[in-house]
């Protein structure tokens, strides 16, 4: 996976975290978001990130946010980052 793609995914994940904060999630929901983001960050630090792992967690992150209209841009950023990386997206289904 190219460095630019990894950087794009990281930016999209940061945007998703900010969207979760802006959506006024309660502490429990924010913990859930953090539990999704942590393995993504660990995976992105590897020389060869596991695409299956990233696909699972990034789609999960987008699904967690999709019900919040204010988070829609973050979901679309995640979607674009996944597509750029060649990862399948299924968060809208």
C-alpha atoms as a PDB file:
ATOM      1  CA  UNK A   1       0.000   0.000   0.000  1.00  0.00           C
ATOM      2  CA  UNK A   2       1.423   3.371  -0.980  1.00  0.00           C
ATOM      3  CA  UNK A   3       2.311   6.000   1.611  1.00  0.00           C
ATOM      4  CA  UNK A   4      -0.056   8.516   0.051  1.00  0.00           C
ATOM      5  CA  UNK A   5      -2.905   6.031   0.359  1.00  0.00           C
ATOM      6  CA  UNK A   6      -2.044   5.400   4.004  1.00  0.00           C
ATOM      7  CA  UNK A   7      -1.973   9.152   4.622  1.00  0.00           C
ATOM      8  CA  UNK A   8      -5.393   9.502   2.968  1.00  0.00           C
ATOM      9  CA  UNK A   9      -6.824   6.760   5.181  1.00  0.00           C
ATOM     10  CA  UNK A  10      -5.351   8.395   8.285  1.00  0.00           C
ATOM     11  CA  UNK A  11      -6.900  11.759   7.373  1.00  0.00           C
ATOM     12  CA  UNK A  12     -10.279  10.121   6.787  1.00  0.00           C
ATOM     13  CA  UNK A  13     -10.089   8.341  10.141  1.00  0.00           C
ATOM     14  CA  UNK A  14      -9.214  11.603  11.895  1.00  0.00           C
ATOM     15  CA  UNK A  15     -12.154  13.276  10.179  1.00  0.00           C
ATOM     16  CA  UNK A  16     -14.402  10.454  11.375  1.00  0.00           C
ATOM     17  CA  UNK A  17     -13.177  10.887  14.954  1.00  0.00           C
ATOM     18  CA  UNK A  18     -13.878  14.619  14.772  1.00  0.00           C
ATOM     19  CA  UNK A  19     -17.331  13.925  13.341  1.00  0.00           C
ATOM     20  CA  UNK A  20     -18.069  11.602  16.250  1.00  0.00           C
ATOM     21  CA  UNK A  21     -17.132  14.343  18.685  1.00  0.00           C
ATOM     22  CA  UNK A  22     -19.213  16.913  16.796  1.00  0.00           C
ATOM     23  CA  UNK A  23     -22.211  14.559  16.772  1.00  0.00           C
ATOM     24  CA  UNK A  24     -22.150  14.674  20.573  1.00  0.00           C
ATOM     25  CA  UNK A  25     -21.796  10.936  20.999  1.00  0.00           C
ATOM     26  CA  UNK A  26     -21.951   9.892  24.606  1.00  0.00           C
ATOM     27  CA  UNK A  27     -18.798   8.541  26.261  1.00  0.00           C
ATOM     28  CA  UNK A  28     -19.736   4.953  25.565  1.00  0.00           C
ATOM     29  CA  UNK A  29     -20.162   5.578  21.834  1.00  0.00           C
ATOM     30  CA  UNK A  30     -16.877   7.486  21.675  1.00  0.00           C
ATOM     31  CA  UNK A  31     -15.172   4.507  23.298  1.00  0.00           C
ATOM     32  CA  UNK A  32     -16.618   2.309  20.551  1.00  0.00           C
ATOM     33  CA  UNK A  33     -15.157   4.642  17.920  1.00  0.00           C
ATOM     34  CA  UNK A  34     -11.765   4.523  19.665  1.00  0.00           C
ATOM     35  CA  UNK A  35     -11.920   0.721  19.740  1.00  0.00           C
ATOM     36  CA  UNK A  36     -12.356   0.746  15.970  1.00  0.00           C
ATOM     37  CA  UNK A  37      -9.647   3.338  15.318  1.00  0.00           C
ATOM     38  CA  UNK A  38      -6.926   1.689  17.427  1.00  0.00           C
ATOM     39  CA  UNK A  39      -6.564  -1.450  15.267  1.00  0.00           C
ATOM     40  CA  UNK A  40      -6.678   0.685  12.114  1.00  0.00           C
ATOM     41  CA  UNK A  41      -3.770   2.762  13.392  1.00  0.00           C
ATOM     42  CA  UNK A  42      -1.826  -0.366  14.383  1.00  0.00           C
ATOM     43  CA  UNK A  43      -2.397  -1.857  10.953  1.00  0.00           C
ATOM     44  CA  UNK A  44      -1.335   1.316   9.147  1.00  0.00           C
ATOM     45  CA  UNK A  45       1.976   1.290  11.032  1.00  0.00           C
ATOM     46  CA  UNK A  46       2.907  -2.072   9.540  1.00  0.00           C
ATOM     47  CA  UNK A  47       5.123  -2.294   6.474  1.00  0.00           C
ATOM     48  CA  UNK A  48       2.384  -4.283   4.735  1.00  0.00           C
ATOM     49  CA  UNK A  49      -1.052  -3.459   6.227  1.00  0.00           C
ATOM     50  CA  UNK A  50      -3.566  -6.300   6.115  1.00  0.00           C
ATOM     51  CA  UNK A  51      -6.255  -5.215   3.674  1.00  0.00           C
ATOM     52  CA  UNK A  52      -8.900  -7.512   5.169  1.00  0.00           C
ATOM     53  CA  UNK A  53      -8.373  -5.999   8.614  1.00  0.00           C
ATOM     54  CA  UNK A  54      -8.537  -2.459   7.273  1.00  0.00           C
ATOM     55  CA  UNK A  55     -11.657  -3.252   5.263  1.00  0.00           C
ATOM     56  CA  UNK A  56     -13.428  -4.643   8.297  1.00  0.00           C
ATOM     57  CA  UNK A  57     -12.603  -1.783  10.631  1.00  0.00           C
ATOM     58  CA  UNK A  58     -13.007   1.093   8.180  1.00  0.00           C
ATOM     59  CA  UNK A  59     -16.435  -0.144   7.076  1.00  0.00           C
ATOM     60  CA  UNK A  60     -17.376  -0.582  10.737  1.00  0.00           C
ATOM     61  CA  UNK A  61     -16.305   2.991  11.468  1.00  0.00           C
ATOM     62  CA  UNK A  62     -18.391   4.340   8.592  1.00  0.00           C
ATOM     63  CA  UNK A  63     -21.406   2.231   9.683  1.00  0.00           C
ATOM     64  CA  UNK A  64     -21.084   3.648  13.204  1.00  0.00           C
ATOM     65  CA  UNK A  65     -21.355   7.187  11.840  1.00  0.00           C
ATOM     66  CA  UNK A  66     -23.776   6.828   8.936  1.00  0.00           C
ATOM     67  CA  UNK A  67     -26.923   7.579  10.955  1.00  0.00           C
ATOM     68  CA  UNK A  68     -25.657  11.056  11.823  1.00  0.00           C
ATOM     69  CA  UNK A  69     -26.204  13.601   9.059  1.00  0.00           C
ATOM     70  CA  UNK A  70     -23.357  15.774  10.356  1.00  0.00           C
ATOM     71  CA  UNK A  71     -21.010  12.823   9.931  1.00  0.00           C
ATOM     72  CA  UNK A  72     -21.928  12.191   6.290  1.00  0.00           C
ATOM     73  CA  UNK A  73     -18.848  14.006   4.919  1.00  0.00           C
ATOM     74  CA  UNK A  74     -16.624  11.860   7.152  1.00  0.00           C
ATOM     75  CA  UNK A  75     -18.308   8.695   5.875  1.00  0.00           C
ATOM     76  CA  UNK A  76     -17.739   9.818   2.315  1.00  0.00           C
ATOM     77  CA  UNK A  77     -14.079  10.552   3.087  1.00  0.00           C
ATOM     78  CA  UNK A  78     -13.692   7.055   4.513  1.00  0.00           C
ATOM     79  CA  UNK A  79     -15.389   5.637   1.435  1.00  0.00           C
ATOM     80  CA  UNK A  80     -13.095   7.573  -0.908  1.00  0.00           C
ATOM     81  CA  UNK A  81      -9.992   6.519   1.038  1.00  0.00           C
ATOM     82  CA  UNK A  82     -11.058   2.869   0.941  1.00  0.00           C
ATOM     83  CA  UNK A  83     -11.729   3.024  -2.794  1.00  0.00           C
ATOM     84  CA  UNK A  84      -8.359   4.707  -3.405  1.00  0.00           C
ATOM     85  CA  UNK A  85      -6.715   1.856  -1.487  1.00  0.00           C
ATOM     86  CA  UNK A  86      -8.672  -0.720  -3.485  1.00  0.00           C
ATOM     87  CA  UNK A  87     -10.597  -1.849  -0.398  1.00  0.00           C
ATOM     88  CA  UNK A  88     -14.233  -2.938  -0.764  1.00  0.00           C
ATOM     89  CA  UNK A  89     -16.872  -0.732   0.827  1.00  0.00           C
ATOM     90  CA  UNK A  90     -20.110  -2.061   2.269  1.00  0.00           C
ATOM     91  CA  UNK A  91     -20.921   0.443   4.993  1.00  0.00           C
ATOM     92  CA  UNK A  92     -24.021   1.779   3.224  1.00  0.00           C
ATOM     93  CA  UNK A  93     -25.758  -1.605   3.090  1.00  0.00           C
END
